[in-house]
Amino acid sequence: MLIAEELYLLLTKDLGTQESPGTQRGYGLTAALIADLVLAERVVLTEEQPPHLIVVSSSPTGHPVLDAGLAQLAGRNGKRLDQLVTWSKLDPEETVVASLVKQGVLAYGDRTFFGMGKPRTPEQDPEPERRTRTRLTAVLAGTAAPTAADATLLSVLQGLGVARYILKAESNGMRGQELKTRIDAVVEHSPTGEAVDRAVQALNAAIMAAAAVIPAIAVGGA
């Protein structure tokens, strides 16, 4: 399962609505998609600050979510990572949901906001999310080494400011700062390879910067 698919499940309630209203889920899913493309060896991030994204191969992966993302990036090669994370056209939510529905993990439900919003996506098979949460529990407890997916998921959740809420059970009573410190350690020392490790840390920084803009705009316009 893609990191973007696992993240969607974590950020979505069993009945199919967003776990934490106001979360910039699109930013997180876009970051997860980029991480998936790094792991698929289709894109790399440069070492400069801020990093830029380079498409190194446009050959299809065979996965509809990744291939849709590659198609969107065709005209954005070399763009800054922070600009891409907030680019709405790269948000893979629609293709992620379609993929999870096809796998039988989710289903399409009725639309929110009196039929005018997005369709709910109630969970049909809880096992994939349960496996993800079991992995994250072990990683946070220090009893299992993190995979690239684990490091990315923790990084994105922290970047969005929802780790403590989403991982309440998995963090086993850790307080906010304690959980943040633990996630920082996981991300910094994850044995996922230099390129992937650098990508995870760069994505975390880009998400935190992007997520901070929305409250600032809201306050400024109030």
N, C-alpha and C. Protein backbone atom coordinates (compact mmCIF):
# COMPACT_ATOMS: atom_id res chain seq x y z
N MET A 1 0.84 -1.20 0.00
CA MET A 1 0.00 0.00 0.00
C MET A 1 0.88 1.24 0.00
N LEU A 2 0.48 2.24 -0.78
CA LEU A 2 1.25 3.47 -0.85
C LEU A 2 1.21 4.24 0.47
N ILE A 3 2.25 5.06 0.70
CA ILE A 3 2.25 5.92 1.88
C ILE A 3 1.05 6.86 1.83
N ALA A 4 0.76 7.39 0.66
CA ALA A 4 -0.38 8.31 0.52
C ALA A 4 -1.70 7.62 0.89
N GLU A 5 -1.82 6.34 0.55
CA GLU A 5 -3.04 5.60 0.90
C GLU A 5 -3.13 5.37 2.40
N GLU A 6 -2.00 5.01 3.02
CA GLU A 6 -1.99 4.81 4.47
C GLU A 6 -2.32 6.12 5.19
N LEU A 7 -1.77 7.21 4.70
CA LEU A 7 -2.03 8.50 5.33
C LEU A 7 -3.50 8.87 5.24
N TYR A 8 -4.11 8.62 4.09
CA TYR A 8 -5.54 8.93 3.96
C TYR A 8 -6.35 8.17 4.99
N LEU A 9 -6.03 6.91 5.20
CA LEU A 9 -6.76 6.12 6.19
C LEU A 9 -6.58 6.68 7.60
N LEU A 10 -5.36 7.10 7.93
CA LEU A 10 -5.11 7.65 9.25
C LEU A 10 -5.86 8.96 9.47
N LEU A 11 -6.02 9.75 8.42
CA LEU A 11 -6.65 11.06 8.54
C LEU A 11 -8.16 11.03 8.32
N THR A 12 -8.72 9.82 8.19
CA THR A 12 -10.15 9.68 7.90
C THR A 12 -10.82 8.78 8.93
N LYS A 13 -11.95 9.21 9.45
CA LYS A 13 -12.69 8.41 10.41
C LYS A 13 -13.29 7.18 9.73
N ASP A 14 -13.63 6.18 10.54
CA ASP A 14 -14.19 4.94 9.99
C ASP A 14 -15.47 5.20 9.20
N LEU A 15 -16.23 6.22 9.58
CA LEU A 15 -17.48 6.53 8.88
C LEU A 15 -17.24 7.37 7.63
N GLY A 16 -15.98 7.77 7.39
CA GLY A 16 -15.67 8.40 6.12
C GLY A 16 -15.53 9.90 6.10
N THR A 17 -15.46 10.54 7.27
CA THR A 17 -15.23 11.98 7.30
C THR A 17 -13.83 12.25 7.86
N GLN A 18 -13.34 13.47 7.70
CA GLN A 18 -11.99 13.81 8.11
C GLN A 18 -11.85 13.72 9.62
N GLU A 19 -10.75 13.11 10.08
CA GLU A 19 -10.52 12.92 11.51
C GLU A 19 -10.47 14.24 12.26
N SER A 20 -9.71 15.17 11.75
CA SER A 20 -9.51 16.44 12.44
C SER A 20 -9.88 17.58 11.51
N PRO A 21 -11.08 18.15 11.63
CA PRO A 21 -11.49 19.23 10.74
C PRO A 21 -10.49 20.38 10.76
N GLY A 22 -10.23 20.93 9.60
CA GLY A 22 -9.29 22.04 9.51
C GLY A 22 -7.88 21.61 9.17
N THR A 23 -7.61 20.29 9.27
CA THR A 23 -6.28 19.78 8.90
C THR A 23 -6.06 19.98 7.40
N GLN A 24 -4.88 20.43 7.03
CA GLN A 24 -4.56 20.59 5.62
C GLN A 24 -4.20 19.23 5.02
N ARG A 25 -5.23 18.39 4.90
CA ARG A 25 -5.00 17.02 4.45
C ARG A 25 -4.38 16.97 3.06
N GLY A 26 -4.77 17.91 2.20
CA GLY A 26 -4.22 17.93 0.86
C GLY A 26 -2.72 18.10 0.84
N TYR A 27 -2.19 18.95 1.73
CA TYR A 27 -0.74 19.13 1.80
C TYR A 27 -0.07 17.82 2.21
N GLY A 28 -0.64 17.17 3.20
CA GLY A 28 -0.06 15.92 3.68
C GLY A 28 -0.08 14.83 2.61
N LEU A 29 -1.19 14.70 1.90
CA LEU A 29 -1.30 13.69 0.86
C LEU A 29 -0.34 13.98 -0.28
N THR A 30 -0.17 15.24 -0.62
CA THR A 30 0.76 15.61 -1.68
C THR A 30 2.18 15.26 -1.27
N ALA A 31 2.55 15.57 -0.03
CA ALA A 31 3.88 15.23 0.47
C ALA A 31 4.09 13.71 0.46
N ALA A 32 3.07 12.97 0.88
CA ALA A 32 3.17 11.51 0.88
C ALA A 32 3.33 10.98 -0.54
N LEU A 33 2.61 11.57 -1.48
CA LEU A 33 2.74 11.17 -2.88
C LEU A 33 4.17 11.38 -3.37
N ILE A 34 4.75 12.52 -3.04
CA ILE A 34 6.13 12.80 -3.46
C ILE A 34 7.08 11.77 -2.84
N ALA A 35 6.86 11.42 -1.59
CA ALA A 35 7.69 10.39 -0.95
C ALA A 35 7.54 9.05 -1.68
N ASP A 36 6.31 8.72 -2.06
CA ASP A 36 6.08 7.49 -2.83
C ASP A 36 6.84 7.52 -4.15
N LEU A 37 6.86 8.66 -4.80
CA LEU A 37 7.55 8.79 -6.09
C LEU A 37 9.07 8.73 -5.91
N VAL A 38 9.57 9.24 -4.77
CA VAL A 38 11.00 9.10 -4.46
C VAL A 38 11.35 7.62 -4.30
N LEU A 39 10.52 6.89 -3.55
CA LEU A 39 10.76 5.47 -3.33
C LEU A 39 10.64 4.67 -4.63
N ALA A 40 9.78 5.14 -5.54
CA ALA A 40 9.61 4.48 -6.84
C ALA A 40 10.70 4.89 -7.82
N GLU A 41 11.63 5.73 -7.36
CA GLU A 41 12.77 6.19 -8.16
C GLU A 41 12.33 6.92 -9.43
N ARG A 42 11.27 7.70 -9.28
CA ARG A 42 10.80 8.53 -10.39
C ARG A 42 11.19 10.00 -10.20
N VAL A 43 11.38 10.40 -8.94
CA VAL A 43 11.79 11.77 -8.67
C VAL A 43 12.87 11.78 -7.59
N VAL A 44 13.65 12.85 -7.56
CA VAL A 44 14.64 13.07 -6.49
C VAL A 44 14.51 14.52 -6.03
N LEU A 45 15.00 14.78 -4.84
CA LEU A 45 15.04 16.15 -4.32
C LEU A 45 16.48 16.61 -4.27
N THR A 46 16.72 17.81 -4.72
CA THR A 46 18.08 18.35 -4.71
C THR A 46 18.51 18.67 -3.28
N GLU A 47 19.83 18.84 -3.08
CA GLU A 47 20.36 19.09 -1.74
C GLU A 47 20.36 20.57 -1.38
N GLU A 48 20.04 21.44 -2.33
CA GLU A 48 20.01 22.87 -2.04
C GLU A 48 18.83 23.20 -1.13
N GLN A 49 18.86 24.40 -0.55
CA GLN A 49 17.78 24.86 0.33
C GLN A 49 17.16 26.13 -0.23
N PRO A 50 15.83 26.13 -0.47
CA PRO A 50 14.94 24.98 -0.36
C PRO A 50 15.17 23.99 -1.50
N PRO A 51 14.91 22.70 -1.25
CA PRO A 51 15.14 21.70 -2.29
C PRO A 51 14.17 21.84 -3.46
N HIS A 52 14.62 21.40 -4.62
CA HIS A 52 13.79 21.36 -5.81
C HIS A 52 13.53 19.90 -6.17
N LEU A 53 12.45 19.66 -6.88
CA LEU A 53 12.09 18.29 -7.28
C LEU A 53 12.48 18.08 -8.74
N ILE A 54 13.20 17.00 -8.99
CA ILE A 54 13.63 16.66 -10.34
C ILE A 54 13.01 15.32 -10.73
N VAL A 55 12.32 15.28 -11.85
CA VAL A 55 11.78 14.03 -12.38
C VAL A 55 12.92 13.32 -13.12
N VAL A 56 13.28 12.13 -12.63
CA VAL A 56 14.39 11.40 -13.24
C VAL A 56 13.90 10.31 -14.19
N SER A 57 12.62 9.97 -14.09
CA SER A 57 12.04 8.99 -15.00
C SER A 57 10.54 9.21 -15.08
N SER A 58 10.03 9.28 -16.28
CA SER A 58 8.59 9.45 -16.47
C SER A 58 7.92 8.15 -16.89
N SER A 59 8.66 7.04 -16.83
CA SER A 59 8.08 5.75 -17.21
C SER A 59 7.00 5.36 -16.21
N PRO A 60 5.89 4.80 -16.70
CA PRO A 60 4.77 4.45 -15.82
C PRO A 60 5.18 3.45 -14.74
N THR A 61 4.58 3.60 -13.58
CA THR A 61 4.83 2.68 -12.48
C THR A 61 3.84 1.53 -12.47
N GLY A 62 2.70 1.73 -13.14
CA GLY A 62 1.64 0.74 -13.11
C GLY A 62 0.64 0.98 -12.00
N HIS A 63 0.91 1.98 -11.15
CA HIS A 63 -0.04 2.32 -10.09
C HIS A 63 -0.72 3.63 -10.47
N PRO A 64 -2.05 3.65 -10.50
CA PRO A 64 -2.77 4.84 -10.98
C PRO A 64 -2.49 6.10 -10.19
N VAL A 65 -2.27 5.99 -8.88
CA VAL A 65 -2.00 7.18 -8.07
C VAL A 65 -0.64 7.78 -8.44
N LEU A 66 0.37 6.95 -8.53
CA LEU A 66 1.70 7.43 -8.87
C LEU A 66 1.76 7.96 -10.30
N ASP A 67 1.12 7.26 -11.22
CA ASP A 67 1.18 7.68 -12.62
C ASP A 67 0.42 8.98 -12.85
N ALA A 68 -0.67 9.19 -12.10
CA ALA A 68 -1.39 10.47 -12.19
C ALA A 68 -0.52 11.59 -11.65
N GLY A 69 0.21 11.32 -10.58
CA GLY A 69 1.11 12.32 -10.02
C GLY A 69 2.24 12.66 -10.97
N LEU A 70 2.81 11.65 -11.61
CA LEU A 70 3.87 11.88 -12.59
C LEU A 70 3.38 12.73 -13.75
N ALA A 71 2.16 12.47 -14.19
CA ALA A 71 1.61 13.24 -15.30
C ALA A 71 1.47 14.72 -14.92
N GLN A 72 1.06 14.98 -13.69
CA GLN A 72 0.92 16.37 -13.23
C GLN A 72 2.29 17.05 -13.14
N LEU A 73 3.30 16.29 -12.77
CA LEU A 73 4.63 16.86 -12.58
C LEU A 73 5.38 17.10 -13.89
N ALA A 74 4.83 16.61 -14.98
CA ALA A 74 5.52 16.70 -16.26
C ALA A 74 5.93 18.13 -16.60
N GLY A 75 5.06 19.08 -16.28
CA GLY A 75 5.36 20.48 -16.58
C GLY A 75 5.91 21.25 -15.40
N ARG A 76 6.26 20.55 -14.32
CA ARG A 76 6.75 21.21 -13.12
C ARG A 76 8.14 20.73 -12.72
N ASN A 77 8.84 20.10 -13.64
CA ASN A 77 10.17 19.58 -13.33
C ASN A 77 11.11 20.70 -12.90
N GLY A 78 11.77 20.50 -11.76
CA GLY A 78 12.71 21.50 -11.27
C GLY A 78 12.10 22.54 -10.34
N LYS A 79 10.80 22.42 -10.06
CA LYS A 79 10.15 23.38 -9.18
C LYS A 79 10.53 23.15 -7.72
N ARG A 80 10.40 24.18 -6.91
CA ARG A 80 10.70 24.07 -5.49
C ARG A 80 9.71 23.16 -4.79
N LEU A 81 10.23 22.37 -3.85
CA LEU A 81 9.39 21.43 -3.12
C LEU A 81 8.26 22.12 -2.38
N ASP A 82 8.55 23.22 -1.70
CA ASP A 82 7.51 23.89 -0.92
C ASP A 82 6.38 24.41 -1.81
N GLN A 83 6.68 24.75 -3.04
CA GLN A 83 5.64 25.20 -3.97
C GLN A 83 4.78 24.02 -4.44
N LEU A 84 5.41 22.87 -4.61
CA LEU A 84 4.67 21.70 -5.07
C LEU A 84 3.76 21.12 -4.00
N VAL A 85 4.20 21.17 -2.73
CA VAL A 85 3.39 20.64 -1.64
C VAL A 85 2.06 21.38 -1.53
N THR A 86 2.05 22.65 -1.86
CA THR A 86 0.83 23.45 -1.77
C THR A 86 0.11 23.60 -3.11
N TRP A 87 0.59 22.91 -4.13
CA TRP A 87 -0.03 22.98 -5.46
C TRP A 87 -1.25 22.05 -5.50
N SER A 88 -2.43 22.61 -5.58
CA SER A 88 -3.67 21.83 -5.46
C SER A 88 -3.82 20.76 -6.54
N LYS A 89 -3.28 21.00 -7.73
CA LYS A 89 -3.43 20.03 -8.81
C LYS A 89 -2.65 18.74 -8.55
N LEU A 90 -1.68 18.79 -7.64
CA LEU A 90 -0.91 17.59 -7.33
C LEU A 90 -1.54 16.79 -6.19
N ASP A 91 -2.50 17.37 -5.50
CA ASP A 91 -3.20 16.68 -4.40
C ASP A 91 -3.82 15.39 -4.94
N PRO A 92 -3.39 14.22 -4.45
CA PRO A 92 -3.85 12.95 -5.02
C PRO A 92 -5.11 12.37 -4.37
N GLU A 93 -5.83 13.17 -3.59
CA GLU A 93 -6.94 12.60 -2.82
C GLU A 93 -7.91 11.80 -3.69
N GLU A 94 -8.30 12.35 -4.82
CA GLU A 94 -9.30 11.67 -5.65
C GLU A 94 -8.81 10.31 -6.13
N THR A 95 -7.56 10.26 -6.61
CA THR A 95 -7.04 8.99 -7.11
C THR A 95 -6.73 8.03 -5.96
N VAL A 96 -6.33 8.55 -4.81
CA VAL A 96 -6.10 7.70 -3.64
C VAL A 96 -7.40 7.03 -3.21
N VAL A 97 -8.45 7.81 -3.13
CA VAL A 97 -9.76 7.25 -2.73
C VAL A 97 -10.20 6.19 -3.74
N ALA A 98 -10.08 6.50 -5.02
CA ALA A 98 -10.49 5.55 -6.06
C ALA A 98 -9.71 4.24 -5.93
N SER A 99 -8.41 4.35 -5.64
CA SER A 99 -7.58 3.17 -5.48
C SER A 99 -8.02 2.34 -4.27
N LEU A 100 -8.29 3.01 -3.15
CA LEU A 100 -8.72 2.30 -1.94
C LEU A 100 -10.10 1.68 -2.09
N VAL A 101 -10.96 2.34 -2.84
CA VAL A 101 -12.28 1.77 -3.12
C VAL A 101 -12.13 0.52 -3.99
N LYS A 102 -11.27 0.60 -4.99
CA LYS A 102 -11.04 -0.55 -5.88
C LYS A 102 -10.48 -1.74 -5.11
N GLN A 103 -9.65 -1.45 -4.08
CA GLN A 103 -9.08 -2.51 -3.25
C GLN A 103 -10.07 -3.07 -2.24
N GLY A 104 -11.22 -2.42 -2.11
CA GLY A 104 -12.22 -2.87 -1.15
C GLY A 104 -11.98 -2.37 0.26
N VAL A 105 -11.05 -1.44 0.42
CA VAL A 105 -10.75 -0.89 1.75
C VAL A 105 -11.78 0.16 2.13
N LEU A 106 -12.18 0.99 1.17
CA LEU A 106 -13.18 2.04 1.38
C LEU A 106 -14.35 1.84 0.42
N ALA A 107 -15.41 2.61 0.66
CA ALA A 107 -16.55 2.66 -0.26
C ALA A 107 -16.96 4.11 -0.41
N TYR A 108 -17.66 4.42 -1.46
CA TYR A 108 -18.20 5.77 -1.63
C TYR A 108 -19.52 5.87 -0.88
N GLY A 109 -19.64 6.92 -0.05
CA GLY A 109 -20.88 7.13 0.69
C GLY A 109 -21.58 8.39 0.22
N ASP A 110 -22.51 8.88 1.05
CA ASP A 110 -23.23 10.09 0.68
C ASP A 110 -22.33 11.31 0.84
N ARG A 111 -22.73 12.41 0.25
CA ARG A 111 -21.92 13.63 0.29
C ARG A 111 -22.15 14.40 1.59
N THR A 112 -21.11 15.06 2.05
CA THR A 112 -21.20 15.89 3.25
C THR A 112 -21.83 17.24 2.89
N PHE A 113 -22.02 18.09 3.93
CA PHE A 113 -22.58 19.43 3.74
C PHE A 113 -23.88 19.41 2.94
N PHE A 114 -24.82 18.58 3.44
CA PHE A 114 -26.17 18.51 2.86
C PHE A 114 -26.13 18.15 1.38
N GLY A 115 -25.22 17.24 1.04
CA GLY A 115 -25.15 16.74 -0.33
C GLY A 115 -24.32 17.57 -1.27
N MET A 116 -23.69 18.65 -0.76
CA MET A 116 -22.93 19.53 -1.64
C MET A 116 -21.41 19.36 -1.48
N GLY A 117 -20.97 18.63 -0.46
CA GLY A 117 -19.54 18.47 -0.24
C GLY A 117 -18.99 17.21 -0.87
N LYS A 118 -17.81 16.81 -0.41
CA LYS A 118 -17.18 15.60 -0.92
C LYS A 118 -17.94 14.37 -0.41
N PRO A 119 -17.92 13.28 -1.17
CA PRO A 119 -18.56 12.07 -0.67
C PRO A 119 -17.80 11.49 0.51
N ARG A 120 -18.52 10.99 1.49
CA ARG A 120 -17.88 10.28 2.58
C ARG A 120 -17.26 9.00 2.02
N THR A 121 -16.24 8.52 2.72
CA THR A 121 -15.57 7.29 2.26
C THR A 121 -15.50 6.30 3.43
N PRO A 122 -16.62 5.71 3.80
CA PRO A 122 -16.64 4.79 4.94
C PRO A 122 -15.73 3.59 4.72
N GLU A 123 -15.10 3.16 5.82
CA GLU A 123 -14.17 2.05 5.78
C GLU A 123 -14.91 0.73 5.66
N GLN A 124 -14.50 -0.09 4.72
CA GLN A 124 -15.10 -1.41 4.52
C GLN A 124 -14.21 -2.52 5.07
N ASP A 125 -12.91 -2.31 5.01
CA ASP A 125 -11.95 -3.30 5.51
C ASP A 125 -11.00 -2.58 6.47
N PRO A 126 -11.13 -2.80 7.77
CA PRO A 126 -10.30 -2.08 8.76
C PRO A 126 -8.88 -2.62 8.88
N GLU A 127 -8.59 -3.76 8.28
CA GLU A 127 -7.30 -4.41 8.50
C GLU A 127 -6.11 -3.59 7.99
N PRO A 128 -6.16 -2.96 6.81
CA PRO A 128 -5.00 -2.17 6.37
C PRO A 128 -4.63 -1.05 7.34
N GLU A 129 -5.61 -0.31 7.83
CA GLU A 129 -5.30 0.76 8.79
C GLU A 129 -4.80 0.17 10.09
N ARG A 130 -5.36 -0.95 10.49
CA ARG A 130 -4.92 -1.58 11.73
C ARG A 130 -3.44 -1.99 11.64
N ARG A 131 -3.04 -2.52 10.49
CA ARG A 131 -1.64 -2.90 10.31
C ARG A 131 -0.72 -1.67 10.37
N THR A 132 -1.16 -0.59 9.76
CA THR A 132 -0.36 0.65 9.79
C THR A 132 -0.19 1.13 11.22
N ARG A 133 -1.28 1.18 11.97
CA ARG A 133 -1.22 1.66 13.34
C ARG A 133 -0.38 0.73 14.24
N THR A 134 -0.42 -0.56 13.97
CA THR A 134 0.40 -1.50 14.74
C THR A 134 1.88 -1.24 14.49
N ARG A 135 2.25 -0.98 13.23
CA ARG A 135 3.63 -0.64 12.90
C ARG A 135 4.08 0.62 13.61
N LEU A 136 3.24 1.65 13.56
CA LEU A 136 3.60 2.94 14.16
C LEU A 136 3.71 2.82 15.68
N THR A 137 2.89 1.99 16.28
CA THR A 137 2.97 1.75 17.73
C THR A 137 4.34 1.19 18.09
N ALA A 138 4.79 0.20 17.32
CA ALA A 138 6.09 -0.43 17.58
C ALA A 138 7.24 0.55 17.35
N VAL A 139 7.13 1.36 16.31
CA VAL A 139 8.19 2.33 16.01
C VAL A 139 8.30 3.37 17.12
N LEU A 140 7.16 3.89 17.56
CA LEU A 140 7.17 4.89 18.62
C LEU A 140 7.68 4.32 19.93
N ALA A 141 7.42 3.04 20.16
CA ALA A 141 7.88 2.39 21.39
C ALA A 141 9.35 1.99 21.31
N GLY A 142 9.92 2.06 20.12
CA GLY A 142 11.31 1.69 19.95
C GLY A 142 11.55 0.20 19.82
N THR A 143 10.50 -0.57 19.57
CA THR A 143 10.64 -2.02 19.46
C THR A 143 10.75 -2.49 18.01
N ALA A 144 10.65 -1.55 17.07
CA ALA A 144 10.80 -1.89 15.65
C ALA A 144 11.47 -0.72 14.94
N ALA A 145 12.33 -1.05 13.98
CA ALA A 145 12.98 -0.01 13.19
C ALA A 145 11.97 0.57 12.20
N PRO A 146 11.98 1.87 11.99
CA PRO A 146 11.01 2.47 11.07
C PRO A 146 11.35 2.20 9.62
N THR A 147 10.33 1.94 8.83
CA THR A 147 10.50 1.88 7.39
C THR A 147 10.41 3.30 6.84
N ALA A 148 10.67 3.45 5.55
CA ALA A 148 10.52 4.77 4.93
C ALA A 148 9.09 5.25 5.07
N ALA A 149 8.12 4.33 4.95
CA ALA A 149 6.71 4.70 5.09
C ALA A 149 6.42 5.20 6.49
N ASP A 150 6.95 4.51 7.51
CA ASP A 150 6.72 4.90 8.90
C ASP A 150 7.27 6.30 9.17
N ALA A 151 8.51 6.53 8.74
CA ALA A 151 9.14 7.83 8.97
C ALA A 151 8.37 8.93 8.27
N THR A 152 7.91 8.65 7.06
CA THR A 152 7.14 9.66 6.31
C THR A 152 5.82 9.95 6.98
N LEU A 153 5.10 8.90 7.37
CA LEU A 153 3.80 9.10 8.01
C LEU A 153 3.93 9.92 9.29
N LEU A 154 4.88 9.56 10.13
CA LEU A 154 5.08 10.30 11.38
C LEU A 154 5.47 11.74 11.10
N SER A 155 6.33 11.93 10.13
CA SER A 155 6.78 13.28 9.78
C SER A 155 5.63 14.13 9.28
N VAL A 156 4.81 13.56 8.40
CA VAL A 156 3.67 14.31 7.85
C VAL A 156 2.66 14.65 8.93
N LEU A 157 2.33 13.68 9.78
CA LEU A 157 1.37 13.94 10.85
C LEU A 157 1.86 15.04 11.78
N GLN A 158 3.16 15.01 12.08
CA GLN A 158 3.72 16.05 12.93
C GLN A 158 3.71 17.40 12.21
N GLY A 159 4.07 17.38 10.92
CA GLY A 159 4.07 18.62 10.15
C GLY A 159 2.70 19.27 10.08
N LEU A 160 1.67 18.44 10.03
CA LEU A 160 0.30 18.94 9.99
C LEU A 160 -0.22 19.34 11.37
N GLY A 161 0.53 19.01 12.41
CA GLY A 161 0.12 19.37 13.77
C GLY A 161 -0.94 18.48 14.36
N VAL A 162 -1.09 17.24 13.85
CA VAL A 162 -2.16 16.36 14.33
C VAL A 162 -1.64 15.04 14.89
N ALA A 163 -0.33 14.90 15.04
CA ALA A 163 0.23 13.62 15.48
C ALA A 163 -0.34 13.19 16.84
N ARG A 164 -0.39 14.11 17.77
CA ARG A 164 -0.86 13.76 19.12
C ARG A 164 -2.31 13.30 19.08
N TYR A 165 -3.10 13.89 18.20
CA TYR A 165 -4.52 13.54 18.12
C TYR A 165 -4.72 12.22 17.38
N ILE A 166 -4.08 12.10 16.21
CA ILE A 166 -4.27 10.91 15.38
C ILE A 166 -3.64 9.68 16.01
N LEU A 167 -2.52 9.86 16.72
CA LEU A 167 -1.77 8.74 17.29
C LEU A 167 -1.94 8.65 18.80
N LYS A 168 -3.10 9.01 19.28
CA LYS A 168 -3.35 9.02 20.73
C LYS A 168 -3.10 7.64 21.34
N ALA A 169 -3.64 6.61 20.72
CA ALA A 169 -3.47 5.26 21.26
C ALA A 169 -2.06 4.74 21.00
N GLU A 170 -1.54 5.03 19.80
CA GLU A 170 -0.23 4.50 19.40
C GLU A 170 0.92 5.11 20.19
N SER A 171 0.74 6.32 20.69
CA SER A 171 1.81 6.98 21.43
C SER A 171 1.87 6.56 22.90
N ASN A 172 0.92 5.76 23.33
CA ASN A 172 0.94 5.16 24.66
C ASN A 172 1.12 6.19 25.77
N GLY A 173 0.32 7.26 25.70
CA GLY A 173 0.32 8.24 26.78
C GLY A 173 1.38 9.31 26.71
N MET A 174 2.16 9.36 25.63
CA MET A 174 3.17 10.41 25.50
C MET A 174 2.50 11.77 25.45
N ARG A 175 3.06 12.73 26.12
CA ARG A 175 2.56 14.10 26.04
C ARG A 175 3.05 14.74 24.75
N GLY A 176 2.50 15.89 24.42
CA GLY A 176 2.78 16.53 23.15
C GLY A 176 4.25 16.69 22.83
N GLN A 177 5.02 17.29 23.75
CA GLN A 177 6.44 17.52 23.51
C GLN A 177 7.22 16.22 23.46
N GLU A 178 6.81 15.28 24.30
CA GLU A 178 7.49 13.98 24.32
C GLU A 178 7.29 13.26 22.98
N LEU A 179 6.08 13.32 22.46
CA LEU A 179 5.79 12.68 21.17
C LEU A 179 6.55 13.38 20.05
N LYS A 180 6.60 14.69 20.10
CA LYS A 180 7.33 15.44 19.08
C LYS A 180 8.81 15.06 19.08
N THR A 181 9.38 14.96 20.28
CA THR A 181 10.79 14.60 20.40
C THR A 181 11.03 13.20 19.85
N ARG A 182 10.12 12.30 20.14
CA ARG A 182 10.27 10.92 19.67
C ARG A 182 10.17 10.86 18.14
N ILE A 183 9.21 11.58 17.57
CA ILE A 183 9.06 11.58 16.11
C ILE A 183 10.28 12.22 15.46
N ASP A 184 10.77 13.30 16.03
CA ASP A 184 11.99 13.94 15.50
C ASP A 184 13.13 12.93 15.46
N ALA A 185 13.27 12.13 16.51
CA ALA A 185 14.35 11.15 16.57
C ALA A 185 14.17 10.07 15.51
N VAL A 186 12.93 9.63 15.33
CA VAL A 186 12.64 8.61 14.32
C VAL A 186 13.00 9.12 12.93
N VAL A 187 12.56 10.34 12.64
CA VAL A 187 12.80 10.90 11.31
C VAL A 187 14.30 11.16 11.09
N GLU A 188 14.98 11.65 12.11
CA GLU A 188 16.39 12.00 11.96
C GLU A 188 17.28 10.77 11.83
N HIS A 189 16.93 9.69 12.50
CA HIS A 189 17.81 8.53 12.54
C HIS A 189 17.23 7.30 11.83
N SER A 190 16.20 7.48 11.04
CA SER A 190 15.60 6.33 10.37
C SER A 190 16.57 5.72 9.37
N PRO A 191 16.73 4.39 9.39
CA PRO A 191 17.67 3.72 8.48
C PRO A 191 17.04 3.48 7.12
N THR A 192 16.65 4.56 6.45
CA THR A 192 15.91 4.40 5.19
C THR A 192 16.75 4.75 3.98
N GLY A 193 18.01 5.07 4.17
CA GLY A 193 18.84 5.48 3.05
C GLY A 193 18.94 6.99 2.99
N GLU A 194 20.08 7.49 2.59
CA GLU A 194 20.33 8.93 2.64
C GLU A 194 19.33 9.73 1.81
N ALA A 195 19.07 9.29 0.58
CA ALA A 195 18.18 10.04 -0.31
C ALA A 195 16.77 10.12 0.26
N VAL A 196 16.26 8.99 0.75
CA VAL A 196 14.91 8.95 1.30
C VAL A 196 14.85 9.74 2.59
N ASP A 197 15.86 9.56 3.44
CA ASP A 197 15.92 10.29 4.72
C ASP A 197 15.90 11.80 4.48
N ARG A 198 16.69 12.25 3.53
CA ARG A 198 16.73 13.68 3.20
C ARG A 198 15.38 14.15 2.68
N ALA A 199 14.73 13.30 1.88
CA ALA A 199 13.42 13.66 1.32
C ALA A 199 12.38 13.79 2.42
N VAL A 200 12.39 12.86 3.39
CA VAL A 200 11.43 12.90 4.49
C VAL A 200 11.60 14.19 5.29
N GLN A 201 12.84 14.53 5.61
CA GLN A 201 13.08 15.73 6.40
C GLN A 201 12.71 17.00 5.62
N ALA A 202 12.97 17.00 4.33
CA ALA A 202 12.62 18.15 3.50
C ALA A 202 11.11 18.30 3.40
N LEU A 203 10.41 17.18 3.26
CA LEU A 203 8.94 17.21 3.18
C LEU A 203 8.35 17.70 4.49
N ASN A 204 8.92 17.27 5.61
CA ASN A 204 8.42 17.70 6.91
C ASN A 204 8.52 19.22 7.03
N ALA A 205 9.67 19.77 6.63
CA ALA A 205 9.87 21.21 6.71
C ALA A 205 8.89 21.95 5.80
N ALA A 206 8.67 21.40 4.60
CA ALA A 206 7.76 22.05 3.64
C ALA A 206 6.33 22.04 4.14
N ILE A 207 5.91 20.93 4.74
CA ILE A 207 4.53 20.85 5.26
C ILE A 207 4.32 21.81 6.41
N MET A 208 5.29 21.85 7.34
CA MET A 208 5.16 22.73 8.49
C MET A 208 5.06 24.19 8.05
N ALA A 209 5.86 24.55 7.05
CA ALA A 209 5.82 25.92 6.55
C ALA A 209 4.49 26.21 5.88
N ALA A 210 4.00 25.25 5.09
CA ALA A 210 2.73 25.44 4.37
C ALA A 210 1.55 25.49 5.33
N ALA A 211 1.53 24.56 6.31
CA ALA A 211 0.41 24.51 7.25
C ALA A 211 0.33 25.76 8.11
N ALA A 212 1.47 26.38 8.38
CA ALA A 212 1.49 27.58 9.21
C ALA A 212 0.91 28.80 8.51
N VAL A 213 0.87 28.76 7.19
CA VAL A 213 0.39 29.90 6.43
C VAL A 213 -1.11 30.08 6.58
N ILE A 214 -1.86 28.98 6.63
CA ILE A 214 -3.33 29.06 6.66
C ILE A 214 -3.85 29.79 7.89
N PRO A 215 -3.42 29.39 9.14
CA PRO A 215 -3.88 30.15 10.31
C PRO A 215 -3.48 31.61 10.26
N ALA A 216 -2.29 31.88 9.73
CA ALA A 216 -1.82 33.27 9.66
C ALA A 216 -2.70 34.10 8.75
N ILE A 217 -3.11 33.50 7.63
CA ILE A 217 -3.99 34.19 6.71
C ILE A 217 -5.35 34.45 7.34
N ALA A 218 -5.84 33.41 8.05
CA ALA A 218 -7.15 33.52 8.69
C ALA A 218 -7.17 34.63 9.73
N VAL A 219 -6.10 34.68 10.53
CA VAL A 219 -6.02 35.72 11.56
C VAL A 219 -5.89 37.10 10.93
N GLY A 220 -5.09 37.19 9.89
CA GLY A 220 -4.89 38.47 9.24
C GLY A 220 -6.12 38.99 8.58
N GLY A 221 -7.00 38.08 8.15
CA GLY A 221 -8.21 38.52 7.45
C GLY A 221 -9.39 38.68 8.37
N ALA A 222 -9.21 38.36 9.65
CA ALA A 222 -10.32 38.43 10.58
C ALA A 222 -10.64 39.87 10.96
